[in-house]
């Protein structure tokens, strides 16, 4: 019986091999040039079939992108905002922290602190290409911090307290911006973007405190230049109105400060550096009008 089963299995395999087409029996070797040509033809056919009317012209919904990898993975950049549009935006951020008689472990006691920081950023931009814009952005930011009381108690021989300390800062800045969008669908509803801006700012700060029970007032004049990268997400609420959220994650800055205390010049300093981190106080929410 075992021999008969083996004979029947062999005959079935032979019959299956004879019934398979020649293309399945022999693999076809495709050259890289042929694969690129087929991909280009398919892409052009898809691009021609997906067009929308913008003004007096028809624009493809798929934006041609250079493939930086070895293979085409089928990822497309869909049209989000066409060339020739103007956008007017307003972005704002706000952060606040209040404590009243808070105790942290057994070291910090009677922490009474109030602080807030906010910024307003109006902007205007022009789309010189589909999904790519350049523009100007203005920024006003202000921060206030008041430390009414703070007691540190390490042991009986080492303890002290700080009270009546206040800090105030405000800055004005102007920046040239470049923003590139990647549309996530043909419905033009969602897109991710990355914004690069070169900014120049000027401002001042004021630091008031008690030193040996004598009030001291230190004022600082600040000038700064920076290069910032801010990715984000945009969602079209209506055809001409979009909601945007951006995050400041990377920046390079140069900063110069001049200080005076009670009207007497004390000195100056210059600092520079770069950071790559997510800052919870640098989350910006805004609206953008598309014309």
C-alpha atoms as a PDB file:
ATOM      1  CA  UNK A   1       0.000   0.000   0.000  1.00  0.00           C
ATOM      2  CA  UNK A   2       2.832   2.382   0.820  1.00  0.00           C
ATOM      3  CA  UNK A   3       4.401   1.792  -2.632  1.00  0.00           C
ATOM      4  CA  UNK A   4       1.051   2.430  -4.358  1.00  0.00           C
ATOM      5  CA  UNK A   5       0.627   5.720  -2.469  1.00  0.00           C
ATOM      6  CA  UNK A   6       4.096   6.883  -3.500  1.00  0.00           C
ATOM      7  CA  UNK A   7       3.351   6.064  -7.164  1.00  0.00           C
ATOM      8  CA  UNK A   8       0.043   7.973  -7.075  1.00  0.00           C
ATOM      9  CA  UNK A   9       1.731  11.018  -5.422  1.00  0.00           C
ATOM     10  CA  UNK A  10       4.449  11.062  -8.113  1.00  0.00           C
ATOM     11  CA  UNK A  11       1.847  10.946 -10.904  1.00  0.00           C
ATOM     12  CA  UNK A  12      -0.061  13.849  -9.315  1.00  0.00           C
ATOM     13  CA  UNK A  13       3.076  15.997  -9.124  1.00  0.00           C
ATOM     14  CA  UNK A  14       3.911  15.282 -12.777  1.00  0.00           C
ATOM     15  CA  UNK A  15       0.375  16.231 -13.853  1.00  0.00           C
ATOM     16  CA  UNK A  16       0.533  19.523 -11.908  1.00  0.00           C
ATOM     17  CA  UNK A  17       3.873  20.454 -13.456  1.00  0.00           C
ATOM     18  CA  UNK A  18       2.543  19.816 -16.968  1.00  0.00           C
ATOM     19  CA  UNK A  19      -0.543  21.949 -16.348  1.00  0.00           C
ATOM     20  CA  UNK A  20       1.425  25.020 -15.093  1.00  0.00           C
ATOM     21  CA  UNK A  21       2.041  27.803 -17.644  1.00  0.00           C
ATOM     22  CA  UNK A  22       5.482  28.412 -19.011  1.00  0.00           C
ATOM     23  CA  UNK A  23       5.792  31.781 -17.277  1.00  0.00           C
ATOM     24  CA  UNK A  24       5.312  30.134 -13.895  1.00  0.00           C
ATOM     25  CA  UNK A  25       7.810  27.358 -14.645  1.00  0.00           C
ATOM     26  CA  UNK A  26      10.537  29.763 -15.686  1.00  0.00           C
ATOM     27  CA  UNK A  27      11.195  32.967 -13.732  1.00  0.00           C
ATOM     28  CA  UNK A  28      11.643  36.121 -15.789  1.00  0.00           C
ATOM     29  CA  UNK A  29      14.650  38.274 -14.945  1.00  0.00           C
ATOM     30  CA  UNK A  30      13.691  41.965 -14.960  1.00  0.00           C
ATOM     31  CA  UNK A  31      16.400  44.532 -15.509  1.00  0.00           C
ATOM     32  CA  UNK A  32      16.578  47.628 -13.320  1.00  0.00           C
ATOM     33  CA  UNK A  33      16.159  49.913 -16.342  1.00  0.00           C
ATOM     34  CA  UNK A  34      12.957  48.088 -17.341  1.00  0.00           C
ATOM     35  CA  UNK A  35      11.602  48.370 -13.774  1.00  0.00           C
ATOM     36  CA  UNK A  36      12.296  52.122 -13.752  1.00  0.00           C
ATOM     37  CA  UNK A  37      10.587  52.548 -17.113  1.00  0.00           C
ATOM     38  CA  UNK A  38       7.505  50.618 -15.955  1.00  0.00           C
ATOM     39  CA  UNK A  39       7.339  52.664 -12.751  1.00  0.00           C
ATOM     40  CA  UNK A  40       7.583  55.941 -14.701  1.00  0.00           C
ATOM     41  CA  UNK A  41       4.816  54.886 -17.110  1.00  0.00           C
ATOM     42  CA  UNK A  42       2.526  53.815 -14.259  1.00  0.00           C
ATOM     43  CA  UNK A  43       3.231  57.017 -12.359  1.00  0.00           C
ATOM     44  CA  UNK A  44       2.498  59.216 -15.359  1.00  0.00           C
ATOM     45  CA  UNK A  45      -0.734  57.363 -16.062  1.00  0.00           C
ATOM     46  CA  UNK A  46      -1.814  57.788 -12.431  1.00  0.00           C
ATOM     47  CA  UNK A  47      -0.787  61.461 -12.430  1.00  0.00           C
ATOM     48  CA  UNK A  48      -2.792  62.195 -15.604  1.00  0.00           C
ATOM     49  CA  UNK A  49      -5.907  60.529 -14.180  1.00  0.00           C
ATOM     50  CA  UNK A  50      -5.888  62.586 -10.931  1.00  0.00           C
ATOM     51  CA  UNK A  51      -6.169  66.285 -11.748  1.00  0.00           C
ATOM     52  CA  UNK A  52      -8.105  69.146 -10.185  1.00  0.00           C
ATOM     53  CA  UNK A  53      -9.000  72.621 -11.446  1.00  0.00           C
ATOM     54  CA  UNK A  54      -7.122  75.445  -9.689  1.00  0.00           C
ATOM     55  CA  UNK A  55      -8.036  78.876 -11.029  1.00  0.00           C
ATOM     56  CA  UNK A  56      -7.832  78.607 -14.812  1.00  0.00           C
ATOM     57  CA  UNK A  57      -5.519  75.622 -14.893  1.00  0.00           C
ATOM     58  CA  UNK A  58      -5.567  71.913 -14.082  1.00  0.00           C
ATOM     59  CA  UNK A  59      -3.104  70.642 -11.464  1.00  0.00           C
ATOM     60  CA  UNK A  60      -2.150  67.067 -10.691  1.00  0.00           C
ATOM     61  CA  UNK A  61      -3.109  65.793  -7.233  1.00  0.00           C
ATOM     62  CA  UNK A  62       0.196  63.900  -7.034  1.00  0.00           C
ATOM     63  CA  UNK A  63       3.335  66.042  -6.762  1.00  0.00           C
ATOM     64  CA  UNK A  64       6.426  64.510  -8.420  1.00  0.00           C
ATOM     65  CA  UNK A  65       9.104  63.726  -5.869  1.00  0.00           C
ATOM     66  CA  UNK A  66      12.651  62.468  -6.341  1.00  0.00           C
ATOM     67  CA  UNK A  67      13.105  58.943  -5.034  1.00  0.00           C
ATOM     68  CA  UNK A  68      16.161  59.007  -2.757  1.00  0.00           C
ATOM     69  CA  UNK A  69      16.068  55.258  -2.086  1.00  0.00           C
ATOM     70  CA  UNK A  70      16.989  52.358  -4.316  1.00  0.00           C
ATOM     71  CA  UNK A  71      13.402  51.250  -4.886  1.00  0.00           C
ATOM     72  CA  UNK A  72      10.110  53.039  -5.386  1.00  0.00           C
ATOM     73  CA  UNK A  73       7.992  52.310  -2.300  1.00  0.00           C
ATOM     74  CA  UNK A  74       4.813  53.788  -3.753  1.00  0.00           C
ATOM     75  CA  UNK A  75       4.640  56.794  -1.405  1.00  0.00           C
ATOM     76  CA  UNK A  76       3.092  59.949  -2.860  1.00  0.00           C
ATOM     77  CA  UNK A  77       3.070  63.605  -1.874  1.00  0.00           C
ATOM     78  CA  UNK A  78      -0.497  64.722  -2.509  1.00  0.00           C
ATOM     79  CA  UNK A  79      -1.455  68.305  -3.283  1.00  0.00           C
ATOM     80  CA  UNK A  80      -2.439  70.266  -0.174  1.00  0.00           C
ATOM     81  CA  UNK A  81      -2.039  73.951  -1.145  1.00  0.00           C
ATOM     82  CA  UNK A  82      -1.372  74.791  -4.818  1.00  0.00           C
ATOM     83  CA  UNK A  83       1.147  77.202  -6.255  1.00  0.00           C
ATOM     84  CA  UNK A  84       0.207  80.894  -6.296  1.00  0.00           C
ATOM     85  CA  UNK A  85      -1.785  80.942  -3.040  1.00  0.00           C
ATOM     86  CA  UNK A  86      -1.262  83.394  -0.194  1.00  0.00           C
ATOM     87  CA  UNK A  87      -1.704  82.410   3.439  1.00  0.00           C
ATOM     88  CA  UNK A  88      -2.180  84.559   6.520  1.00  0.00           C
ATOM     89  CA  UNK A  89      -1.653  82.842   9.840  1.00  0.00           C
ATOM     90  CA  UNK A  90      -1.809  83.492  13.551  1.00  0.00           C
ATOM     91  CA  UNK A  91      -0.059  81.156  15.986  1.00  0.00           C
ATOM     92  CA  UNK A  92      -0.121  81.405  19.759  1.00  0.00           C
ATOM     93  CA  UNK A  93       1.323  79.484  22.692  1.00  0.00           C
ATOM     94  CA  UNK A  94       0.681  79.720  26.423  1.00  0.00           C
ATOM     95  CA  UNK A  95       2.071  78.071  29.548  1.00  0.00           C
ATOM     96  CA  UNK A  96       1.340  78.668  33.233  1.00  0.00           C
ATOM     97  CA  UNK A  97       2.479  77.221  36.568  1.00  0.00           C
ATOM     98  CA  UNK A  98       1.069  78.144  39.993  1.00  0.00           C
ATOM     99  CA  UNK A  99       1.976  76.714  43.404  1.00  0.00           C
ATOM    100  CA  UNK A 100       0.757  77.767  46.837  1.00  0.00           C
ATOM    101  CA  UNK A 101       2.354  76.447  50.053  1.00  0.00           C
ATOM    102  CA  UNK A 102       3.615  73.313  48.309  1.00  0.00           C
ATOM    103  CA  UNK A 103       6.042  70.926  50.000  1.00  0.00           C
ATOM    104  CA  UNK A 104       8.379  68.680  47.985  1.00  0.00           C
ATOM    105  CA  UNK A 105       9.777  65.791  50.039  1.00  0.00           C
ATOM    106  CA  UNK A 106      11.224  67.178  53.258  1.00  0.00           C
ATOM    107  CA  UNK A 107      13.634  69.638  51.665  1.00  0.00           C
ATOM    108  CA  UNK A 108      11.521  72.222  49.856  1.00  0.00           C
ATOM    109  CA  UNK A 109       8.813  73.828  51.954  1.00  0.00           C
ATOM    110  CA  UNK A 110       6.327  76.658  51.566  1.00  0.00           C
ATOM    111  CA  UNK A 111       6.846  76.973  47.824  1.00  0.00           C
ATOM    112  CA  UNK A 112       4.786  79.910  46.607  1.00  0.00           C
ATOM    113  CA  UNK A 113       5.434  80.466  42.900  1.00  0.00           C
ATOM    114  CA  UNK A 114       3.471  81.941  40.015  1.00  0.00           C
ATOM    115  CA  UNK A 115       4.697  81.992  36.446  1.00  0.00           C
ATOM    116  CA  UNK A 116       3.376  82.218  32.919  1.00  0.00           C
ATOM    117  CA  UNK A 117       4.738  82.640  29.430  1.00  0.00           C
ATOM    118  CA  UNK A 118       2.951  83.274  26.147  1.00  0.00           C
ATOM    119  CA  UNK A 119       3.709  84.289  22.585  1.00  0.00           C
ATOM    120  CA  UNK A 120       1.768  85.572  19.555  1.00  0.00           C
ATOM    121  CA  UNK A 121       3.060  84.984  16.022  1.00  0.00           C
ATOM    122  CA  UNK A 122       1.300  86.516  12.997  1.00  0.00           C
ATOM    123  CA  UNK A 123       2.668  85.422   9.625  1.00  0.00           C
ATOM    124  CA  UNK A 124       2.251  85.809   5.875  1.00  0.00           C
ATOM    125  CA  UNK A 125       3.536  83.456   3.181  1.00  0.00           C
ATOM    126  CA  UNK A 126       3.386  82.804  -0.549  1.00  0.00           C
ATOM    127  CA  UNK A 127       3.386  79.380  -2.232  1.00  0.00           C
ATOM    128  CA  UNK A 128       6.009  79.547  -4.967  1.00  0.00           C
ATOM    129  CA  UNK A 129       5.517  75.819  -5.665  1.00  0.00           C
ATOM    130  CA  UNK A 130       2.850  73.289  -4.842  1.00  0.00           C
ATOM    131  CA  UNK A 131       3.026  72.530  -1.096  1.00  0.00           C
ATOM    132  CA  UNK A 132       6.062  74.834  -0.615  1.00  0.00           C
ATOM    133  CA  UNK A 133       5.986  78.404   0.691  1.00  0.00           C
ATOM    134  CA  UNK A 134       8.226  81.216   1.840  1.00  0.00           C
ATOM    135  CA  UNK A 135       7.179  84.106   4.037  1.00  0.00           C
ATOM    136  CA  UNK A 136       7.654  86.381   7.027  1.00  0.00           C
ATOM    137  CA  UNK A 137       6.737  85.735  10.638  1.00  0.00           C
ATOM    138  CA  UNK A 138       6.578  88.226  13.508  1.00  0.00           C
ATOM    139  CA  UNK A 139       6.761  87.157  17.122  1.00  0.00           C
ATOM    140  CA  UNK A 140       6.007  88.813  20.443  1.00  0.00           C
ATOM    141  CA  UNK A 141       6.647  86.805  23.596  1.00  0.00           C
ATOM    142  CA  UNK A 142       6.368  87.705  27.259  1.00  0.00           C
ATOM    143  CA  UNK A 143       7.158  85.857  30.465  1.00  0.00           C
ATOM    144  CA  UNK A 144       6.516  86.682  34.138  1.00  0.00           C
ATOM    145  CA  UNK A 145       7.659  84.751  37.215  1.00  0.00           C
ATOM    146  CA  UNK A 146       7.115  85.650  40.880  1.00  0.00           C
ATOM    147  CA  UNK A 147       8.635  83.669  43.738  1.00  0.00           C
ATOM    148  CA  UNK A 148       7.048  84.933  46.924  1.00  0.00           C
ATOM    149  CA  UNK A 149       8.532  82.322  49.222  1.00  0.00           C
ATOM    150  CA  UNK A 150      10.796  79.261  49.096  1.00  0.00           C
ATOM    151  CA  UNK A 151      12.326  77.488  52.108  1.00  0.00           C
ATOM    152  CA  UNK A 152      15.086  74.867  51.892  1.00  0.00           C
ATOM    153  CA  UNK A 153      15.728  72.731  54.955  1.00  0.00           C
ATOM    154  CA  UNK A 154      18.469  70.101  54.625  1.00  0.00           C
ATOM    155  CA  UNK A 155      19.238  69.758  58.348  1.00  0.00           C
ATOM    156  CA  UNK A 156      19.487  71.891  61.485  1.00  0.00           C
ATOM    157  CA  UNK A 157      22.740  73.510  60.338  1.00  0.00           C
ATOM    158  CA  UNK A 158      21.880  74.069  56.701  1.00  0.00           C
ATOM    159  CA  UNK A 159      18.610  75.834  55.920  1.00  0.00           C
ATOM    160  CA  UNK A 160      17.650  79.115  54.320  1.00  0.00           C
ATOM    161  CA  UNK A 161      14.724  80.805  52.591  1.00  0.00           C
ATOM    162  CA  UNK A 162      14.186  82.981  49.518  1.00  0.00           C
ATOM    163  CA  UNK A 163      11.405  85.519  49.169  1.00  0.00           C
ATOM    164  CA  UNK A 164      10.235  88.454  47.056  1.00  0.00           C
ATOM    165  CA  UNK A 165      11.967  87.441  43.826  1.00  0.00           C
ATOM    166  CA  UNK A 166      10.487  88.439  40.465  1.00  0.00           C
ATOM    167  CA  UNK A 167      11.556  88.024  36.852  1.00  0.00           C
ATOM    168  CA  UNK A 168      10.102  89.630  33.729  1.00  0.00           C
ATOM    169  CA  UNK A 169      11.098  89.265  30.071  1.00  0.00           C
ATOM    170  CA  UNK A 170       9.738  90.268  26.673  1.00  0.00           C
ATOM    171  CA  UNK A 171      11.106  89.908  23.151  1.00  0.00           C
ATOM    172  CA  UNK A 172      10.227  91.035  19.634  1.00  0.00           C
ATOM    173  CA  UNK A 173      11.444  89.099  16.599  1.00  0.00           C
ATOM    174  CA  UNK A 174      11.114  88.829  12.835  1.00  0.00           C
ATOM    175  CA  UNK A 175      11.876  85.693  10.820  1.00  0.00           C
ATOM    176  CA  UNK A 176      12.003  84.519   7.235  1.00  0.00           C
ATOM    177  CA  UNK A 177      10.310  81.125   6.929  1.00  0.00           C
ATOM    178  CA  UNK A 178      10.251  78.185   4.546  1.00  0.00           C
ATOM    179  CA  UNK A 179       7.536  75.552   4.967  1.00  0.00           C
ATOM    180  CA  UNK A 180       7.143  72.290   3.057  1.00  0.00           C
ATOM    181  CA  UNK A 181       3.952  70.220   3.250  1.00  0.00           C
ATOM    182  CA  UNK A 182       3.353  66.533   2.580  1.00  0.00           C
ATOM    183  CA  UNK A 183      -0.294  65.846   1.785  1.00  0.00           C
ATOM    184  CA  UNK A 184      -1.723  62.675   3.320  1.00  0.00           C
ATOM    185  CA  UNK A 185      -4.601  62.098   0.914  1.00  0.00           C
ATOM    186  CA  UNK A 186      -6.440  63.266  -2.168  1.00  0.00           C
ATOM    187  CA  UNK A 187      -9.176  64.888  -0.070  1.00  0.00           C
ATOM    188  CA  UNK A 188      -6.730  67.716   0.908  1.00  0.00           C
ATOM    189  CA  UNK A 189      -7.769  67.402   4.537  1.00  0.00           C
ATOM    190  CA  UNK A 190      -4.597  66.465   6.438  1.00  0.00           C
ATOM    191  CA  UNK A 191      -0.915  67.197   5.903  1.00  0.00           C
ATOM    192  CA  UNK A 192       2.334  67.146   7.831  1.00  0.00           C
ATOM    193  CA  UNK A 193       4.905  69.895   7.396  1.00  0.00           C
ATOM    194  CA  UNK A 194       8.322  71.065   8.432  1.00  0.00           C
ATOM    195  CA  UNK A 195       9.123  74.737   8.919  1.00  0.00           C
ATOM    196  CA  UNK A 196      12.594  76.249   8.858  1.00  0.00           C
ATOM    197  CA  UNK A 197      12.974  79.844   9.980  1.00  0.00           C
ATOM    198  CA  UNK A 198      15.875  82.255  10.338  1.00  0.00           C
ATOM    199  CA  UNK A 199      15.007  84.717  13.084  1.00  0.00           C
ATOM    200  CA  UNK A 200      16.430  87.903  14.571  1.00  0.00           C
ATOM    201  CA  UNK A 201      15.116  89.136  17.909  1.00  0.00           C
ATOM    202  CA  UNK A 202      15.638  91.857  20.481  1.00  0.00           C
ATOM    203  CA  UNK A 203      14.273  92.172  23.980  1.00  0.00           C
ATOM    204  CA  UNK A 204      14.875  92.900  27.614  1.00  0.00           C
ATOM    205  CA  UNK A 205      14.499  91.276  31.011  1.00  0.00           C
ATOM    206  CA  UNK A 206      14.281  92.482  34.588  1.00  0.00           C
ATOM    207  CA  UNK A 207      15.353  90.573  37.714  1.00  0.00           C
ATOM    208  CA  UNK A 208      14.350  91.947  41.113  1.00  0.00           C
ATOM    209  CA  UNK A 209      15.372  90.394  44.434  1.00  0.00           C
ATOM    210  CA  UNK A 210      16.550  91.135  47.954  1.00  0.00           C
ATOM    211  CA  UNK A 211      20.266  91.005  48.733  1.00  0.00           C
ATOM    212  CA  UNK A 212      21.055  91.408  52.450  1.00  0.00           C
ATOM    213  CA  UNK A 213      17.548  92.857  52.780  1.00  0.00           C
ATOM    214  CA  UNK A 214      18.448  95.507  50.194  1.00  0.00           C
ATOM    215  CA  UNK A 215      16.413  95.452  46.951  1.00  0.00           C
ATOM    216  CA  UNK A 216      18.427  94.904  43.776  1.00  0.00           C
ATOM    217  CA  UNK A 217      17.205  95.528  40.230  1.00  0.00           C
ATOM    218  CA  UNK A 218      19.128  93.956  37.329  1.00  0.00           C
ATOM    219  CA  UNK A 219      18.147  94.776  33.757  1.00  0.00           C
ATOM    220  CA  UNK A 220      19.379  92.918  30.682  1.00  0.00           C
ATOM    221  CA  UNK A 221      19.301  93.941  27.018  1.00  0.00           C
ATOM    222  CA  UNK A 222      19.121  90.900  24.734  1.00  0.00           C
ATOM    223  CA  UNK A 223      19.846  90.458  21.009  1.00  0.00           C
ATOM    224  CA  UNK A 224      19.622  87.021  19.415  1.00  0.00           C
ATOM    225  CA  UNK A 225      19.762  85.236  16.065  1.00  0.00           C
ATOM    226  CA  UNK A 226      18.649  81.664  15.491  1.00  0.00           C
ATOM    227  CA  UNK A 227      17.884  78.931  12.999  1.00  0.00           C
ATOM    228  CA  UNK A 228      14.915  76.780  14.055  1.00  0.00           C
ATOM    229  CA  UNK A 229      13.232  73.616  12.761  1.00  0.00           C
ATOM    230  CA  UNK A 230       9.590  73.024  13.689  1.00  0.00           C
ATOM    231  CA  UNK A 231       7.613  70.019  12.381  1.00  0.00           C
ATOM    232  CA  UNK A 232       3.856  70.006  12.660  1.00  0.00           C
ATOM    233  CA  UNK A 233       0.439  68.852  11.485  1.00  0.00           C
ATOM    234  CA  UNK A 234      -2.153  70.833   9.532  1.00  0.00           C
ATOM    235  CA  UNK A 235      -5.852  70.091   9.088  1.00  0.00           C
ATOM    236  CA  UNK A 236      -8.200  71.907   6.715  1.00  0.00           C
ATOM    237  CA  UNK A 237     -11.398  72.847   8.548  1.00  0.00           C
ATOM    238  CA  UNK A 238     -12.820  74.468   5.407  1.00  0.00           C
ATOM    239  CA  UNK A 239     -11.485  75.036   1.905  1.00  0.00           C
ATOM    240  CA  UNK A 240      -9.835  78.332   2.918  1.00  0.00           C
ATOM    241  CA  UNK A 241      -9.204  77.735   6.630  1.00  0.00           C
ATOM    242  CA  UNK A 242      -6.718  75.360   8.267  1.00  0.00           C
ATOM    243  CA  UNK A 243      -5.752  74.530  11.850  1.00  0.00           C
ATOM    244  CA  UNK A 244      -2.054  73.957  12.580  1.00  0.00           C
ATOM    245  CA  UNK A 245      -0.036  72.500  15.448  1.00  0.00           C
ATOM    246  CA  UNK A 246       3.765  72.767  15.446  1.00  0.00           C
ATOM    247  CA  UNK A 247       6.512  71.623  17.806  1.00  0.00           C
ATOM    248  CA  UNK A 248       9.916  73.225  18.281  1.00  0.00           C
ATOM    249  CA  UNK A 249      12.418  70.374  18.432  1.00  0.00           C
ATOM    250  CA  UNK A 250      15.747  71.657  17.039  1.00  0.00           C
ATOM    251  CA  UNK A 251      17.457  75.015  16.947  1.00  0.00           C
ATOM    252  CA  UNK A 252      20.775  76.830  16.667  1.00  0.00           C
ATOM    253  CA  UNK A 253      21.133  80.208  18.339  1.00  0.00           C
ATOM    254  CA  UNK A 254      23.584  83.014  19.095  1.00  0.00           C
ATOM    255  CA  UNK A 255      22.802  85.378  21.954  1.00  0.00           C
ATOM    256  CA  UNK A 256      24.371  88.562  23.346  1.00  0.00           C
ATOM    257  CA  UNK A 257      23.422  90.144  26.674  1.00  0.00           C
ATOM    258  CA  UNK A 258      24.294  93.424  28.415  1.00  0.00           C
ATOM    259  CA  UNK A 259      23.502  93.871  32.116  1.00  0.00           C
ATOM    260  CA  UNK A 260      23.104  96.806  34.460  1.00  0.00           C
ATOM    261  CA  UNK A 261      22.250  96.676  38.174  1.00  0.00           C
ATOM    262  CA  UNK A 262      20.627  99.710  39.776  1.00  0.00           C
ATOM    263  CA  UNK A 263      21.678 101.768  36.754  1.00  0.00           C
ATOM    264  CA  UNK A 264      25.374 100.710  36.935  1.00  0.00           C
ATOM    265  CA  UNK A 265      26.890  98.791  34.010  1.00  0.00           C
ATOM    266  CA  UNK A 266      28.073  95.346  35.119  1.00  0.00           C
ATOM    267  CA  UNK A 267      29.139  93.496  31.980  1.00  0.00           C
ATOM    268  CA  UNK A 268      28.139  91.524  28.901  1.00  0.00           C
ATOM    269  CA  UNK A 269      28.351  88.009  27.607  1.00  0.00           C
ATOM    270  CA  UNK A 270      27.976  86.083  24.348  1.00  0.00           C
ATOM    271  CA  UNK A 271      26.596  82.544  24.141  1.00  0.00           C
ATOM    272  CA  UNK A 272      25.849  80.124  21.320  1.00  0.00           C
ATOM    273  CA  UNK A 273      24.623  76.590  21.092  1.00  0.00           C
ATOM    274  CA  UNK A 274      22.260  74.023  19.635  1.00  0.00           C
ATOM    275  CA  UNK A 275      19.550  71.885  21.154  1.00  0.00           C
ATOM    276  CA  UNK A 276      17.591  68.858  20.045  1.00  0.00           C
ATOM    277  CA  UNK A 277      14.744  68.253  22.463  1.00  0.00           C
ATOM    278  CA  UNK A 278      10.990  68.443  22.795  1.00  0.00           C
ATOM    279  CA  UNK A 279      10.005  71.570  24.727  1.00  0.00           C
ATOM    280  CA  UNK A 280       6.538  71.504  26.292  1.00  0.00           C
ATOM    281  CA  UNK A 281       6.529  75.328  26.343  1.00  0.00           C
ATOM    282  CA  UNK A 282       7.160  75.455  22.587  1.00  0.00           C
ATOM    283  CA  UNK A 283       3.920  73.910  21.326  1.00  0.00           C
ATOM    284  CA  UNK A 284       2.168  76.337  18.982  1.00  0.00           C
ATOM    285  CA  UNK A 285      -1.507  76.274  17.969  1.00  0.00           C
ATOM    286  CA  UNK A 286      -2.674  78.447  15.112  1.00  0.00           C
ATOM    287  CA  UNK A 287      -5.109  79.176  12.321  1.00  0.00           C
ATOM    288  CA  UNK A 288      -4.214  79.815   8.685  1.00  0.00           C
ATOM    289  CA  UNK A 289      -6.339  81.547   6.049  1.00  0.00           C
ATOM    290  CA  UNK A 290      -5.675  80.461   2.461  1.00  0.00           C
ATOM    291  CA  UNK A 291      -6.385  82.896  -0.370  1.00  0.00           C
END
